[in-house]
N, C-alpha and C. Protein backbone atom coordinates (compact mmCIF):
# COMPACT_ATOMS: atom_id res chain seq x y z
N UNK A 1 16.37 29.38 49.85
CA UNK A 1 15.73 27.78 49.86
C UNK A 1 14.49 28.08 49.05
N UNK A 2 13.88 29.05 48.73
CA UNK A 2 12.73 29.08 48.25
C UNK A 2 13.06 29.10 47.25
N UNK A 3 14.19 30.23 46.46
CA UNK A 3 14.35 30.93 45.83
C UNK A 3 14.88 29.31 44.90
N UNK A 4 15.70 28.84 45.24
CA UNK A 4 16.49 27.46 44.88
C UNK A 4 15.57 26.68 44.35
N UNK A 5 14.19 25.70 45.65
CA UNK A 5 13.01 24.96 44.98
C UNK A 5 12.64 25.68 43.91
N UNK A 6 11.91 27.50 43.66
CA UNK A 6 11.49 27.67 42.26
C UNK A 6 12.54 27.41 41.04
N UNK A 7 13.89 27.82 41.34
CA UNK A 7 15.06 27.35 40.00
C UNK A 7 14.89 26.14 39.43
N UNK A 8 14.57 25.26 40.91
CA UNK A 8 14.52 23.07 40.70
C UNK A 8 13.63 23.18 40.10
N UNK A 9 12.07 23.77 40.33
CA UNK A 9 10.89 23.18 39.69
C UNK A 9 10.99 23.96 38.45
N UNK A 10 11.37 25.01 37.75
CA UNK A 10 11.57 25.42 36.43
C UNK A 10 12.61 24.69 35.57
N UNK A 11 13.44 24.42 35.79
CA UNK A 11 14.25 23.66 35.20
C UNK A 11 13.31 21.47 34.79
N UNK A 12 12.70 21.31 35.83
CA UNK A 12 12.86 20.25 35.32
C UNK A 12 11.22 20.53 34.48
N UNK A 13 10.51 21.39 34.46
CA UNK A 13 9.17 21.02 33.50
C UNK A 13 9.97 22.11 32.74
N UNK A 14 11.04 22.90 32.27
CA UNK A 14 11.59 23.18 31.12
C UNK A 14 12.19 21.77 30.77
N UNK A 15 12.58 20.89 31.60
CA UNK A 15 12.99 18.96 30.55
C UNK A 15 11.99 18.93 30.05
N UNK A 16 10.91 18.65 30.72
CA UNK A 16 9.91 17.79 30.28
C UNK A 16 9.48 18.72 28.88
N UNK A 17 9.38 19.87 29.00
CA UNK A 17 8.50 20.22 27.56
C UNK A 17 9.77 19.98 26.28
N UNK A 18 11.66 20.44 27.04
CA UNK A 18 12.12 19.79 25.38
C UNK A 18 12.13 18.04 24.65
N UNK A 19 12.04 17.22 26.29
CA UNK A 19 11.32 16.23 25.47
C UNK A 19 10.59 15.36 24.88
N UNK A 20 9.18 16.78 25.67
CA UNK A 20 8.42 16.35 24.85
C UNK A 20 8.47 16.29 23.65
N UNK A 21 9.27 17.74 22.81
CA UNK A 21 9.60 18.54 22.13
C UNK A 21 9.75 16.75 21.47
N UNK A 22 11.49 16.90 22.24
CA UNK A 22 11.79 16.15 20.72
C UNK A 22 11.04 14.48 20.62
N UNK A 23 10.22 14.02 21.36
CA UNK A 23 9.31 12.83 20.89
C UNK A 23 8.17 13.06 20.04
N UNK A 24 8.25 14.69 19.90
CA UNK A 24 7.31 15.02 19.08
C UNK A 24 7.31 15.08 18.08
N UNK A 25 8.94 14.57 17.33
CA UNK A 25 9.47 14.62 16.08
C UNK A 25 9.59 13.44 15.77
N UNK A 26 9.29 12.73 16.47
CA UNK A 26 9.77 10.76 15.77
C UNK A 26 8.97 11.07 14.85
N UNK A 27 10.13 10.35 13.76
CA UNK A 27 10.02 9.81 12.61
C UNK A 27 8.90 8.49 12.05
N UNK A 28 8.55 7.95 13.35
CA UNK A 28 8.03 6.38 13.36
C UNK A 28 7.20 6.63 14.20
N UNK A 29 5.60 7.72 14.09
CA UNK A 29 4.59 7.98 14.67
C UNK A 29 3.96 7.03 15.25
N UNK A 30 3.73 6.80 16.26
CA UNK A 30 2.92 5.83 17.09
C UNK A 30 1.48 5.54 16.74
N UNK A 31 0.81 7.30 16.52
CA UNK A 31 -0.73 7.40 16.78
C UNK A 31 -1.64 6.48 15.99
N UNK A 32 -2.75 6.39 16.55
CA UNK A 32 -3.82 5.36 15.44
C UNK A 32 -4.01 6.12 14.12
N UNK A 33 -3.66 7.53 14.04
CA UNK A 33 -4.16 7.99 12.75
C UNK A 33 -2.69 7.56 11.51
N UNK A 34 -1.37 7.69 12.11
CA UNK A 34 -0.69 7.21 11.19
C UNK A 34 0.08 5.95 11.72
N UNK A 35 -0.51 5.58 12.36
CA UNK A 35 -0.35 3.69 12.55
C UNK A 35 -1.24 2.90 11.34
N UNK A 36 -2.49 3.53 11.43
CA UNK A 36 -3.28 3.35 10.23
C UNK A 36 -3.12 2.87 8.85
N UNK A 37 -2.07 4.35 8.27
CA UNK A 37 -1.67 4.35 7.31
C UNK A 37 -0.67 3.23 6.68
N UNK A 38 0.01 2.62 7.99
CA UNK A 38 0.74 1.85 7.94
C UNK A 38 0.39 0.68 8.12
N UNK A 39 -1.01 0.74 8.83
CA UNK A 39 -1.33 -0.87 9.34
C UNK A 39 -2.38 -1.32 8.69
N UNK A 40 -3.13 -1.59 7.83
CA UNK A 40 -4.77 -1.32 7.89
C UNK A 40 -5.18 -2.49 8.02
N UNK A 41 -6.31 -2.78 8.31
CA UNK A 41 -7.00 -3.70 8.60
C UNK A 41 -7.05 -4.95 7.70
N UNK A 42 -7.30 -6.16 8.53
CA UNK A 42 -7.10 -7.16 8.12
C UNK A 42 -7.97 -7.22 6.70
N UNK A 43 -7.69 -7.95 5.30
CA UNK A 43 -8.24 -7.82 4.11
C UNK A 43 -9.85 -8.96 3.92
N UNK A 44 -10.39 -8.38 3.56
CA UNK A 44 -11.67 -8.88 3.17
C UNK A 44 -11.92 -10.00 2.42
N UNK A 45 -11.28 -11.74 2.12
CA UNK A 45 -11.46 -12.26 0.80
C UNK A 45 -12.21 -11.65 0.06
N UNK A 46 -12.31 -12.29 -1.27
CA UNK A 46 -13.32 -11.44 -2.82
C UNK A 46 -13.40 -12.74 -3.13
N UNK A 47 -14.54 -12.46 -4.03
CA UNK A 47 -14.41 -13.95 -4.80
C UNK A 47 -13.37 -14.18 -6.27
N UNK A 48 -13.17 -14.55 -6.48
CA UNK A 48 -12.12 -15.24 -7.37
C UNK A 48 -12.50 -14.87 -8.75
N UNK A 49 -13.29 -14.94 -8.99
CA UNK A 49 -13.64 -14.24 -10.33
C UNK A 49 -14.03 -12.95 -10.42
N UNK A 50 -13.55 -12.32 -9.22
CA UNK A 50 -13.73 -10.55 -9.62
C UNK A 50 -13.22 -10.21 -10.07
N UNK A 51 -13.26 -8.90 -10.80
CA UNK A 51 -12.37 -7.58 -11.34
C UNK A 51 -12.22 -6.67 -9.97
N UNK A 52 -10.41 -6.80 -10.38
CA UNK A 52 -10.43 -6.24 -9.25
C UNK A 52 -9.22 -4.91 -9.65
N UNK A 53 -9.77 -3.51 -8.60
CA UNK A 53 -8.43 -2.45 -8.99
C UNK A 53 -8.26 -1.81 -8.15
N UNK A 54 -7.49 -1.09 -7.98
CA UNK A 54 -6.59 -0.45 -6.79
C UNK A 54 -6.66 0.82 -7.10
N UNK A 55 -6.73 1.87 -6.07
CA UNK A 55 -6.12 3.71 -6.56
C UNK A 55 -5.89 4.27 -5.34
N UNK A 56 -5.74 5.34 -5.47
CA UNK A 56 -5.57 6.75 -4.41
C UNK A 56 -7.35 7.25 -4.43
N UNK A 57 -8.07 7.36 -3.57
CA UNK A 57 -9.17 8.08 -3.27
C UNK A 57 -9.41 9.43 -3.75
N UNK A 58 -9.21 9.56 -4.76
CA UNK A 58 -10.03 11.67 -4.96
C UNK A 58 -11.12 12.09 -4.95
N UNK A 59 -12.15 11.57 -4.82
CA UNK A 59 -13.40 11.70 -4.69
C UNK A 59 -14.27 10.80 -3.95
N UNK A 60 -15.12 11.16 -3.17
CA UNK A 60 -15.71 10.75 -2.14
C UNK A 60 -17.42 11.72 -2.19
N UNK A 61 -18.54 10.89 -2.34
CA UNK A 61 -20.01 11.53 -2.98
C UNK A 61 -21.14 10.92 -2.95
N UNK A 62 -22.04 11.32 -1.89
CA UNK A 62 -23.41 10.56 -1.74
C UNK A 62 -24.71 11.08 -2.50
N UNK A 63 -25.23 10.08 -3.51
CA UNK A 63 -26.12 10.37 -4.03
C UNK A 63 -27.37 9.13 -4.08
N UNK A 64 -28.37 9.57 -3.46
CA UNK A 64 -29.63 8.85 -2.88
C UNK A 64 -28.80 7.63 -2.49
N UNK A 65 -28.65 8.32 -1.18
CA UNK A 65 -27.78 7.63 0.09
C UNK A 65 -27.14 6.59 -0.12
N UNK A 66 -26.39 6.45 -1.62
CA UNK A 66 -25.25 5.81 -2.42
C UNK A 66 -23.94 6.41 -2.07
N UNK A 67 -22.77 5.93 -1.54
CA UNK A 67 -21.63 6.61 -1.85
C UNK A 67 -20.87 5.61 -2.65
N UNK A 68 -20.76 7.15 -3.07
CA UNK A 68 -19.57 6.69 -4.16
C UNK A 68 -18.60 7.04 -4.42
N UNK A 69 -17.27 6.73 -4.98
CA UNK A 69 -16.46 6.83 -4.69
C UNK A 69 -14.78 6.90 -6.15
N UNK A 70 -14.56 7.27 -6.43
CA UNK A 70 -13.45 7.56 -7.70
C UNK A 70 -11.84 7.42 -7.04
N UNK A 71 -11.67 6.06 -7.71
CA UNK A 71 -9.67 6.08 -7.64
C UNK A 71 -9.23 6.16 -8.47
N UNK A 72 -7.45 6.39 -8.26
CA UNK A 72 -7.04 6.72 -9.39
C UNK A 72 -5.80 5.88 -9.09
N UNK A 73 -5.13 5.04 -10.41
CA UNK A 73 -4.15 4.21 -10.17
C UNK A 73 -3.04 4.65 -9.87
N UNK A 74 -1.85 4.49 -9.08
CA UNK A 74 -0.81 5.03 -8.99
C UNK A 74 0.40 4.59 -9.94
N UNK A 75 1.50 5.82 -10.04
CA UNK A 75 2.75 5.20 -11.14
C UNK A 75 2.91 3.85 -11.06
N UNK A 76 3.19 2.97 -12.17
CA UNK A 76 3.30 2.28 -12.01
C UNK A 76 2.24 1.22 -12.78
N UNK A 77 1.42 1.14 -12.04
CA UNK A 77 0.25 -0.25 -12.14
C UNK A 77 -0.40 0.63 -13.42
N UNK A 78 -0.88 -0.65 -13.63
CA UNK A 78 -2.02 -0.77 -14.79
C UNK A 78 -3.35 -1.50 -14.59
N UNK A 79 -4.70 -0.19 -13.98
CA UNK A 79 -5.75 -1.80 -13.78
C UNK A 79 -6.99 -1.75 -14.62
N UNK A 80 -6.53 -1.40 -15.93
CA UNK A 80 -7.46 -0.87 -16.94
C UNK A 80 -7.89 0.48 -17.15
N UNK A 81 -7.21 1.12 -16.45
CA UNK A 81 -8.02 2.39 -16.20
C UNK A 81 -7.63 3.76 -15.40
N UNK A 82 -7.17 4.82 -15.56
CA UNK A 82 -6.52 5.65 -14.87
C UNK A 82 -7.53 5.79 -13.90
N UNK A 83 -8.59 5.86 -14.02
CA UNK A 83 -9.47 6.51 -12.80
C UNK A 83 -11.14 5.51 -13.46
N UNK A 84 -11.18 5.32 -12.24
CA UNK A 84 -12.51 4.48 -11.70
C UNK A 84 -13.34 4.83 -10.55
N UNK A 85 -14.49 5.11 -11.00
CA UNK A 85 -15.90 4.40 -9.93
C UNK A 85 -16.50 3.91 -9.30
N UNK A 86 -17.04 3.75 -8.12
CA UNK A 86 -17.25 2.75 -7.67
C UNK A 86 -18.31 2.91 -6.47
N UNK A 87 -19.55 2.19 -6.39
CA UNK A 87 -20.93 2.56 -5.87
C UNK A 87 -20.57 1.51 -4.24
N UNK A 88 -21.20 2.24 -3.47
CA UNK A 88 -20.94 0.65 -2.99
C UNK A 88 -22.95 1.12 -1.82
N UNK A 89 -23.40 -0.40 -2.73
CA UNK A 89 -24.34 -1.26 -2.26
C UNK A 89 -24.77 -1.91 -0.95
N UNK A 90 -26.23 -2.31 -0.43
CA UNK A 90 -26.06 -2.72 1.26
C UNK A 90 -25.47 -4.11 0.69
N UNK A 91 -25.34 -4.54 -0.28
CA UNK A 91 -24.39 -5.90 -0.74
C UNK A 91 -23.44 -6.01 -0.46
N UNK A 92 -22.77 -4.57 -0.58
CA UNK A 92 -20.91 -4.55 0.00
C UNK A 92 -20.25 -4.73 0.73
N UNK A 93 -19.27 -5.80 0.95
CA UNK A 93 -18.24 -5.50 1.93
C UNK A 93 -17.61 -4.41 2.27
N UNK A 94 -16.47 -4.44 2.96
CA UNK A 94 -16.00 -3.15 3.15
C UNK A 94 -14.68 -3.84 4.48
N UNK A 95 -13.37 -3.99 4.86
CA UNK A 95 -12.91 -4.02 5.91
C UNK A 95 -12.68 -2.65 6.40
N UNK A 96 -13.31 -1.59 6.42
CA UNK A 96 -13.27 -0.29 6.64
C UNK A 96 -14.65 0.98 7.03
N UNK A 97 -15.08 1.35 7.94
CA UNK A 97 -16.03 2.37 8.41
C UNK A 97 -16.30 3.29 6.44
N UNK A 98 -17.68 3.45 5.77
CA UNK A 98 -17.40 3.53 4.46
C UNK A 98 -16.69 6.07 5.19
N UNK A 99 -17.66 6.22 6.02
CA UNK A 99 -17.95 7.11 7.26
C UNK A 99 -16.91 7.68 6.98
N UNK A 100 -15.35 6.83 7.25
CA UNK A 100 -14.38 6.99 8.38
C UNK A 100 -12.76 7.45 6.82
N UNK A 101 -13.88 7.00 5.34
CA UNK A 101 -13.19 6.61 4.46
C UNK A 101 -12.55 8.22 3.92
N UNK A 102 -11.18 8.32 3.79
CA UNK A 102 -10.34 10.32 3.46
C UNK A 102 -10.25 10.12 2.18
N UNK A 103 -10.09 11.60 1.63
CA UNK A 103 -9.08 11.82 0.31
C UNK A 103 -7.80 11.04 1.06
N UNK A 104 -7.74 10.36 -0.13
CA UNK A 104 -5.80 9.89 -0.37
C UNK A 104 -5.33 8.61 0.26
N UNK A 105 -6.64 8.06 0.95
CA UNK A 105 -6.54 6.49 0.98
C UNK A 105 -5.77 4.89 -0.26
N UNK A 106 -5.01 4.73 0.03
CA UNK A 106 -4.83 3.90 -0.93
C UNK A 106 -6.31 2.45 -0.60
N UNK A 107 -6.43 2.24 -1.81
CA UNK A 107 -8.43 1.46 -1.51
C UNK A 107 -7.94 0.16 -2.62
N UNK A 108 -8.76 -0.75 -1.91
CA UNK A 108 -8.46 -2.20 -3.23
C UNK A 108 -9.79 -1.89 -3.23
N UNK A 109 -10.02 -2.20 -5.13
CA UNK A 109 -12.11 -2.48 -5.01
C UNK A 109 -11.73 -4.46 -5.53
N UNK A 110 -13.13 -4.63 -5.56
CA UNK A 110 -12.95 -5.75 -5.89
C UNK A 110 -14.48 -5.95 -6.32
N UNK A 111 -15.05 -6.00 -7.78
CA UNK A 111 -16.51 -5.65 -8.26
C UNK A 111 -16.27 -6.49 -9.32
N UNK A 112 -18.04 -6.47 -10.35
CA UNK A 112 -18.47 -7.56 -11.23
C UNK A 112 -18.39 -7.01 -12.68
N UNK A 113 -18.05 -7.61 -13.24
CA UNK A 113 -17.62 -6.63 -14.76
C UNK A 113 -18.05 -8.13 -15.15
N UNK A 114 -18.97 -8.56 -16.37
CA UNK A 114 -19.17 -9.14 -17.28
C UNK A 114 -18.38 -9.91 -18.06
N UNK A 115 -17.76 -10.80 -19.02
CA UNK A 115 -16.71 -11.35 -19.09
C UNK A 115 -17.57 -10.45 -20.94
N UNK A 116 -16.10 -9.60 -21.25
CA UNK A 116 -16.70 -9.28 -22.50
C UNK A 116 -17.14 -8.05 -22.64
N UNK A 117 -17.15 -7.99 -21.76
CA UNK A 117 -18.18 -6.63 -21.97
C UNK A 117 -17.65 -5.45 -20.46
N UNK A 118 -17.44 -4.00 -20.92
CA UNK A 118 -16.68 -3.25 -20.01
C UNK A 118 -17.97 -3.04 -18.32
N UNK A 119 -17.27 -2.64 -16.96
CA UNK A 119 -18.08 -2.99 -16.29
C UNK A 119 -19.15 -1.04 -16.39
N UNK A 120 -19.74 -1.17 -15.27
CA UNK A 120 -20.79 0.12 -15.42
C UNK A 120 -20.18 1.15 -14.64
N UNK A 121 -20.32 1.84 -14.70
CA UNK A 121 -19.30 3.28 -13.97
C UNK A 121 -20.66 4.32 -13.75
N UNK A 122 -20.89 4.00 -12.49
CA UNK A 122 -19.41 3.14 -11.68
C UNK A 122 -20.37 2.22 -11.26
N UNK A 123 -19.13 1.53 -11.09
CA UNK A 123 -19.44 -0.22 -11.04
C UNK A 123 -19.75 -0.68 -9.15
N UNK A 124 -20.11 -1.63 -9.08
CA UNK A 124 -21.31 -1.67 -8.15
C UNK A 124 -19.96 -2.86 -7.18
N UNK A 125 -18.95 -2.30 -5.84
CA UNK A 125 -18.70 -2.64 -4.64
C UNK A 125 -19.32 -3.89 -4.75
N UNK A 126 -18.52 -5.13 -4.71
CA UNK A 126 -18.07 -6.27 -4.35
C UNK A 126 -17.54 -6.41 -2.66
N UNK A 127 -16.28 -5.54 -2.81
CA UNK A 127 -15.95 -6.05 -1.45
C UNK A 127 -14.11 -4.37 -1.57
N UNK A 128 -14.33 -3.88 -0.82
CA UNK A 128 -13.52 -3.00 -0.41
C UNK A 128 -12.48 -3.23 0.42
N UNK A 129 -10.82 -3.19 -0.24
CA UNK A 129 -9.95 -3.43 1.18
C UNK A 129 -9.17 -2.10 0.98
N UNK A 130 -9.47 -1.67 2.97
CA UNK A 130 -8.64 -0.44 3.13
C UNK A 130 -7.01 -0.87 2.98
N UNK A 131 -5.66 0.13 2.14
CA UNK A 131 -4.34 -0.86 2.97
C UNK A 131 -3.55 0.11 3.26
N UNK A 132 -2.11 -0.32 3.38
CA UNK A 132 -1.50 1.11 3.53
C UNK A 132 -1.49 1.61 2.66
N UNK A 133 -1.16 3.10 2.93
CA UNK A 133 -0.58 3.96 2.32
C UNK A 133 0.13 3.51 0.91
N UNK A 134 0.27 3.68 -0.15
CA UNK A 134 0.97 3.46 -1.81
C UNK A 134 2.00 3.87 -1.54
N UNK A 135 2.42 5.13 -0.79
CA UNK A 135 3.92 5.44 -0.51
C UNK A 135 4.97 4.04 0.29
N UNK A 136 4.30 3.42 1.30
CA UNK A 136 4.46 2.40 2.16
C UNK A 136 4.93 0.74 0.74
N UNK A 137 3.86 0.32 0.37
CA UNK A 137 4.01 -0.28 -0.01
C UNK A 137 3.85 -0.87 -1.63
N UNK A 138 3.50 0.46 -2.46
CA UNK A 138 3.63 0.31 -3.91
C UNK A 138 5.08 0.51 -4.03
N UNK A 139 6.70 0.01 -4.77
CA UNK A 139 7.75 0.40 -5.51
C UNK A 139 8.10 -0.14 -6.66
N UNK A 140 8.52 1.29 -7.41
CA UNK A 140 9.17 0.87 -9.13
C UNK A 140 10.83 0.93 -9.31
N UNK A 141 11.35 0.34 -9.61
CA UNK A 141 12.60 0.43 -10.26
C UNK A 141 13.05 -0.93 -11.08
N UNK A 142 14.19 -0.38 -11.28
CA UNK A 142 15.21 -2.03 -12.06
C UNK A 142 15.43 -2.36 -11.55
N UNK A 143 15.41 -3.84 -11.98
CA UNK A 143 16.32 -5.20 -11.55
C UNK A 143 17.41 -4.99 -11.55
N UNK A 144 18.49 -5.33 -10.04
CA UNK A 144 19.94 -4.99 -10.68
C UNK A 144 20.25 -6.49 -10.68
N UNK A 145 19.76 -7.25 -9.70
CA UNK A 145 20.07 -9.42 -10.10
C UNK A 145 18.87 -10.07 -9.56
N UNK A 146 19.02 -10.97 -9.93
CA UNK A 146 18.10 -12.23 -9.54
C UNK A 146 18.92 -13.75 -9.17
N UNK A 147 18.39 -13.89 -7.86
CA UNK A 147 18.36 -15.26 -7.38
C UNK A 147 17.66 -16.25 -7.15
N UNK A 148 17.40 -17.16 -7.85
CA UNK A 148 16.02 -18.40 -8.14
C UNK A 148 16.55 -19.33 -7.93
N UNK A 149 16.42 -20.41 -6.65
CA UNK A 149 16.15 -21.24 -5.83
C UNK A 149 15.25 -23.07 -6.78
N UNK A 150 14.15 -21.89 -7.78
CA UNK A 150 13.35 -22.65 -8.16
C UNK A 150 13.89 -23.64 -9.24
N UNK A 151 13.97 -24.99 -9.26
CA UNK A 151 14.53 -25.84 -10.59
C UNK A 151 13.62 -26.14 -11.23
N UNK A 152 11.82 -25.94 -10.80
CA UNK A 152 11.39 -26.82 -11.30
C UNK A 152 10.45 -25.43 -12.75
N UNK A 153 10.94 -24.78 -12.55
CA UNK A 153 10.50 -24.07 -13.91
C UNK A 153 9.72 -22.88 -13.65
N UNK A 154 9.25 -22.60 -12.12
CA UNK A 154 8.56 -21.63 -10.64
C UNK A 154 10.00 -20.51 -10.41
N UNK A 155 9.36 -19.52 -9.94
CA UNK A 155 10.51 -18.62 -9.34
C UNK A 155 10.02 -18.60 -7.96
N UNK A 156 11.51 -18.81 -7.20
CA UNK A 156 11.58 -18.81 -5.78
C UNK A 156 13.42 -18.10 -5.04
N UNK A 157 13.01 -16.90 -5.01
CA UNK A 157 14.08 -16.45 -4.57
C UNK A 157 13.89 -15.08 -5.07
N UNK A 158 15.08 -14.00 -4.69
CA UNK A 158 15.60 -12.77 -4.40
C UNK A 158 15.18 -11.91 -6.02
N UNK A 159 15.00 -10.76 -5.56
CA UNK A 159 15.34 -9.77 -6.68
C UNK A 159 15.83 -8.42 -6.20
N UNK A 160 17.33 -8.07 -6.93
CA UNK A 160 17.56 -6.96 -6.50
C UNK A 160 17.18 -5.85 -6.60
N UNK A 161 16.58 -4.58 -6.31
CA UNK A 161 15.63 -3.86 -7.51
C UNK A 161 16.50 -2.06 -7.52
N UNK A 162 16.95 -1.42 -7.87
CA UNK A 162 16.92 -0.10 -7.59
C UNK A 162 15.93 0.48 -8.25
N UNK A 163 15.12 1.11 -6.71
CA UNK A 163 14.20 2.01 -6.96
C UNK A 163 14.29 3.16 -7.76
N UNK A 164 13.44 4.04 -7.77
CA UNK A 164 13.09 5.53 -8.07
C UNK A 164 14.48 6.17 -7.46
N UNK A 165 14.58 6.12 -5.92
CA UNK A 165 15.25 6.85 -5.63
C UNK A 165 16.50 7.00 -5.21
N UNK A 166 16.69 5.54 -6.44
CA UNK A 166 18.23 5.24 -6.42
C UNK A 166 18.89 4.35 -5.32
N UNK A 167 17.94 4.04 -3.96
CA UNK A 167 18.28 3.32 -3.53
C UNK A 167 18.21 1.71 -3.88
N UNK A 168 18.02 0.75 -2.80
CA UNK A 168 18.51 -0.49 -3.47
C UNK A 168 17.92 -1.61 -2.32
N UNK A 169 16.41 -2.15 -2.68
CA UNK A 169 16.14 -3.40 -2.46
C UNK A 169 15.85 -4.30 -2.29
N UNK A 170 16.23 -5.56 -1.26
CA UNK A 170 15.81 -6.91 -2.00
C UNK A 170 14.30 -7.43 -1.67
N UNK A 171 14.10 -7.56 -2.33
CA UNK A 171 12.40 -8.16 -2.13
C UNK A 171 12.68 -9.97 -2.83
N UNK A 172 11.84 -10.38 -1.10
CA UNK A 172 12.07 -11.91 -1.84
C UNK A 172 10.35 -12.63 -2.06
N UNK A 173 11.13 -13.44 -2.73
CA UNK A 173 9.51 -14.05 -3.73
C UNK A 173 9.54 -15.33 -2.73
N UNK A 174 8.70 -15.25 -2.88
CA UNK A 174 8.52 -17.19 -2.49
C UNK A 174 6.97 -17.89 -2.77
N UNK A 175 6.43 -18.47 -2.36
CA UNK A 175 5.16 -19.23 -2.99
C UNK A 175 4.02 -17.99 -2.86
N UNK A 176 4.37 -17.60 -1.40
CA UNK A 176 2.84 -16.47 -1.49
C UNK A 176 2.29 -15.35 -3.04
N UNK A 177 3.75 -15.13 -3.24
CA UNK A 177 3.97 -13.95 -4.88
C UNK A 177 3.19 -14.74 -5.95
N UNK A 178 2.57 -13.43 -5.95
CA UNK A 178 1.60 -13.66 -7.50
C UNK A 178 2.98 -13.00 -8.43
N UNK A 179 2.68 -13.29 -9.59
CA UNK A 179 3.42 -12.63 -10.87
C UNK A 179 2.61 -12.69 -11.86
N UNK A 180 2.67 -11.86 -12.26
CA UNK A 180 1.87 -10.69 -13.25
C UNK A 180 2.88 -10.19 -14.41
N UNK A 181 3.22 -11.35 -14.67
CA UNK A 181 4.99 -11.04 -15.79
C UNK A 181 5.57 -12.63 -15.66
N UNK A 182 6.14 -12.74 -17.47
CA UNK A 182 6.43 -14.00 -17.23
C UNK A 182 8.42 -13.80 -16.88
N UNK A 183 8.20 -15.28 -15.36
CA UNK A 183 9.39 -15.20 -14.81
C UNK A 183 10.35 -15.35 -15.19
N UNK A 184 10.35 -15.73 -16.71
CA UNK A 184 12.19 -15.32 -17.28
C UNK A 184 12.13 -13.95 -17.88
N UNK A 185 11.15 -13.20 -18.08
CA UNK A 185 11.41 -11.86 -18.08
C UNK A 185 12.51 -10.80 -16.85
N UNK A 186 11.84 -11.48 -15.84
CA UNK A 186 12.51 -11.14 -14.39
C UNK A 186 14.29 -11.24 -14.71
N UNK A 187 14.44 -9.87 -15.17
CA UNK A 187 16.01 -10.38 -15.33
C UNK A 187 16.68 -8.78 -15.36
N UNK A 188 18.16 -8.70 -14.60
CA UNK A 188 18.93 -7.40 -15.08
C UNK A 188 18.41 -5.99 -15.99
N UNK A 189 17.90 -5.09 -15.40
CA UNK A 189 17.27 -4.36 -17.04
C UNK A 189 15.76 -3.94 -16.84
N UNK A 190 15.04 -5.43 -16.57
CA UNK A 190 13.76 -4.63 -16.93
C UNK A 190 12.79 -4.29 -15.55
N UNK A 191 11.95 -3.74 -16.06
CA UNK A 191 11.33 -2.20 -14.73
C UNK A 191 10.33 -3.03 -14.70
N UNK A 192 10.35 -2.94 -13.08
CA UNK A 192 9.78 -3.74 -12.53
C UNK A 192 8.42 -2.89 -11.26
N UNK A 193 6.72 -3.21 -11.00
CA UNK A 193 6.43 -2.30 -10.39
C UNK A 193 6.06 -3.77 -9.12
N UNK A 194 6.40 -3.55 -7.83
CA UNK A 194 5.89 -4.72 -7.18
C UNK A 194 4.90 -3.92 -5.82
N UNK A 195 4.27 -4.93 -5.11
CA UNK A 195 2.92 -4.67 -4.19
C UNK A 195 4.13 -4.97 -3.13
N UNK A 196 4.50 -4.82 -2.24
CA UNK A 196 5.22 -5.00 -1.46
C UNK A 196 4.70 -4.97 0.08
N UNK A 197 5.27 -5.07 0.79
CA UNK A 197 5.39 -5.07 2.74
C UNK A 197 5.67 -3.38 3.11
N UNK A 198 4.20 -3.26 4.33
CA UNK A 198 5.02 -2.07 4.39
C UNK A 198 6.14 -1.93 5.69
N UNK A 199 6.00 -3.80 5.98
CA UNK A 199 7.55 -4.27 7.05
C UNK A 199 8.94 -3.96 6.32
N UNK A 200 9.58 -3.76 6.40
CA UNK A 200 11.20 -3.87 5.28
C UNK A 200 12.27 -4.17 6.42
N UNK A 201 13.39 -4.08 6.49
CA UNK A 201 13.95 -4.59 7.53
C UNK A 201 15.37 -3.81 7.67
N UNK A 202 15.97 -3.48 8.28
CA UNK A 202 16.52 -2.21 8.82
C UNK A 202 18.20 -2.71 7.91
N UNK A 203 18.37 -4.15 7.59
CA UNK A 203 19.85 -4.60 6.80
C UNK A 203 19.86 -3.55 5.93
N UNK A 204 21.31 -3.71 5.05
CA UNK A 204 21.72 -3.03 4.02
C UNK A 204 21.98 -3.68 3.01
N UNK A 205 21.81 -3.81 2.07
CA UNK A 205 20.35 -3.20 1.28
C UNK A 205 19.74 -3.69 2.30
N UNK A 206 18.03 -2.78 2.65
CA UNK A 206 16.73 -3.38 3.18
C UNK A 206 16.09 -3.82 2.28
N UNK A 207 15.83 -5.46 3.47
CA UNK A 207 14.66 -6.39 2.72
C UNK A 207 13.19 -6.23 2.39
N UNK A 208 12.40 -6.70 1.24
CA UNK A 208 11.66 -6.46 1.71
C UNK A 208 10.68 -7.87 1.06
N UNK A 209 9.37 -8.07 1.51
CA UNK A 209 8.43 -9.44 0.43
C UNK A 209 8.00 -9.24 -0.42
N UNK A 210 8.35 -9.63 -1.55
CA UNK A 210 7.21 -8.89 -2.73
C UNK A 210 5.63 -10.32 -2.84
N UNK A 211 4.43 -9.24 -3.18
CA UNK A 211 3.60 -10.40 -2.84
C UNK A 211 2.97 -9.99 -4.01
N UNK A 212 3.21 -9.11 -5.08
CA UNK A 212 3.27 -9.27 -6.25
C UNK A 212 3.84 -8.72 -7.24
N UNK A 213 3.96 -8.81 -8.48
CA UNK A 213 5.51 -8.45 -9.54
C UNK A 213 5.18 -7.89 -10.46
N UNK A 214 4.77 -6.80 -11.06
CA UNK A 214 3.88 -6.90 -12.35
C UNK A 214 5.39 -5.64 -13.06
N UNK A 215 5.21 -5.83 -14.61
CA UNK A 215 6.27 -5.69 -15.89
C UNK A 215 5.42 -3.85 -14.98
N UNK A 216 6.71 -2.65 -15.08
CA UNK A 216 6.03 -1.15 -15.39
C UNK A 216 5.46 -0.99 -16.33
N UNK A 217 4.27 0.04 -15.15
CA UNK A 217 3.11 0.33 -16.96
C UNK A 217 3.58 1.75 -17.17
């Protein structure tokens, strides 16, 4: 009887270990670190006349109590320079704690640049927003087909895009979508760069919301 009880206990413990191992290999982790990579804090609104740059953090340094970060734009985007450095001042606003920022995170920076003159290097940060990891929200591909329901000369509809990984995704464009490309150029064969949502549907093909549409750079 005692041996039977010990055997039952052993099997229960083994079962817990096996189940834990299976859950540990979940492709959709829900721990705080991985969730923040996908779902960042709410962004801070920036002045309308501020210049903007997005990129992955490649370097973080501190000089004279000033934190300086270097960003490198990701494939398909063009914000004026392959890399750019930014300094956080006492007036800078950010939707994250600077001390928690790590290499590889995707960050959006708004900064001041005099009209007709290059910005200082490093440029002073006005607003910095931590975004989802670029691999979740930046899409490059070729338009397969276009559906536009706007008859007033604008664009409201769907872009069916064949992505770089050979999969197809439908991007929904609405009144909130910003176009940095002539909408008349949105046609089959056009190479585009799209800033989308980190949340996509499980339909086939999957659907996403397009926040920004640019010509692939």
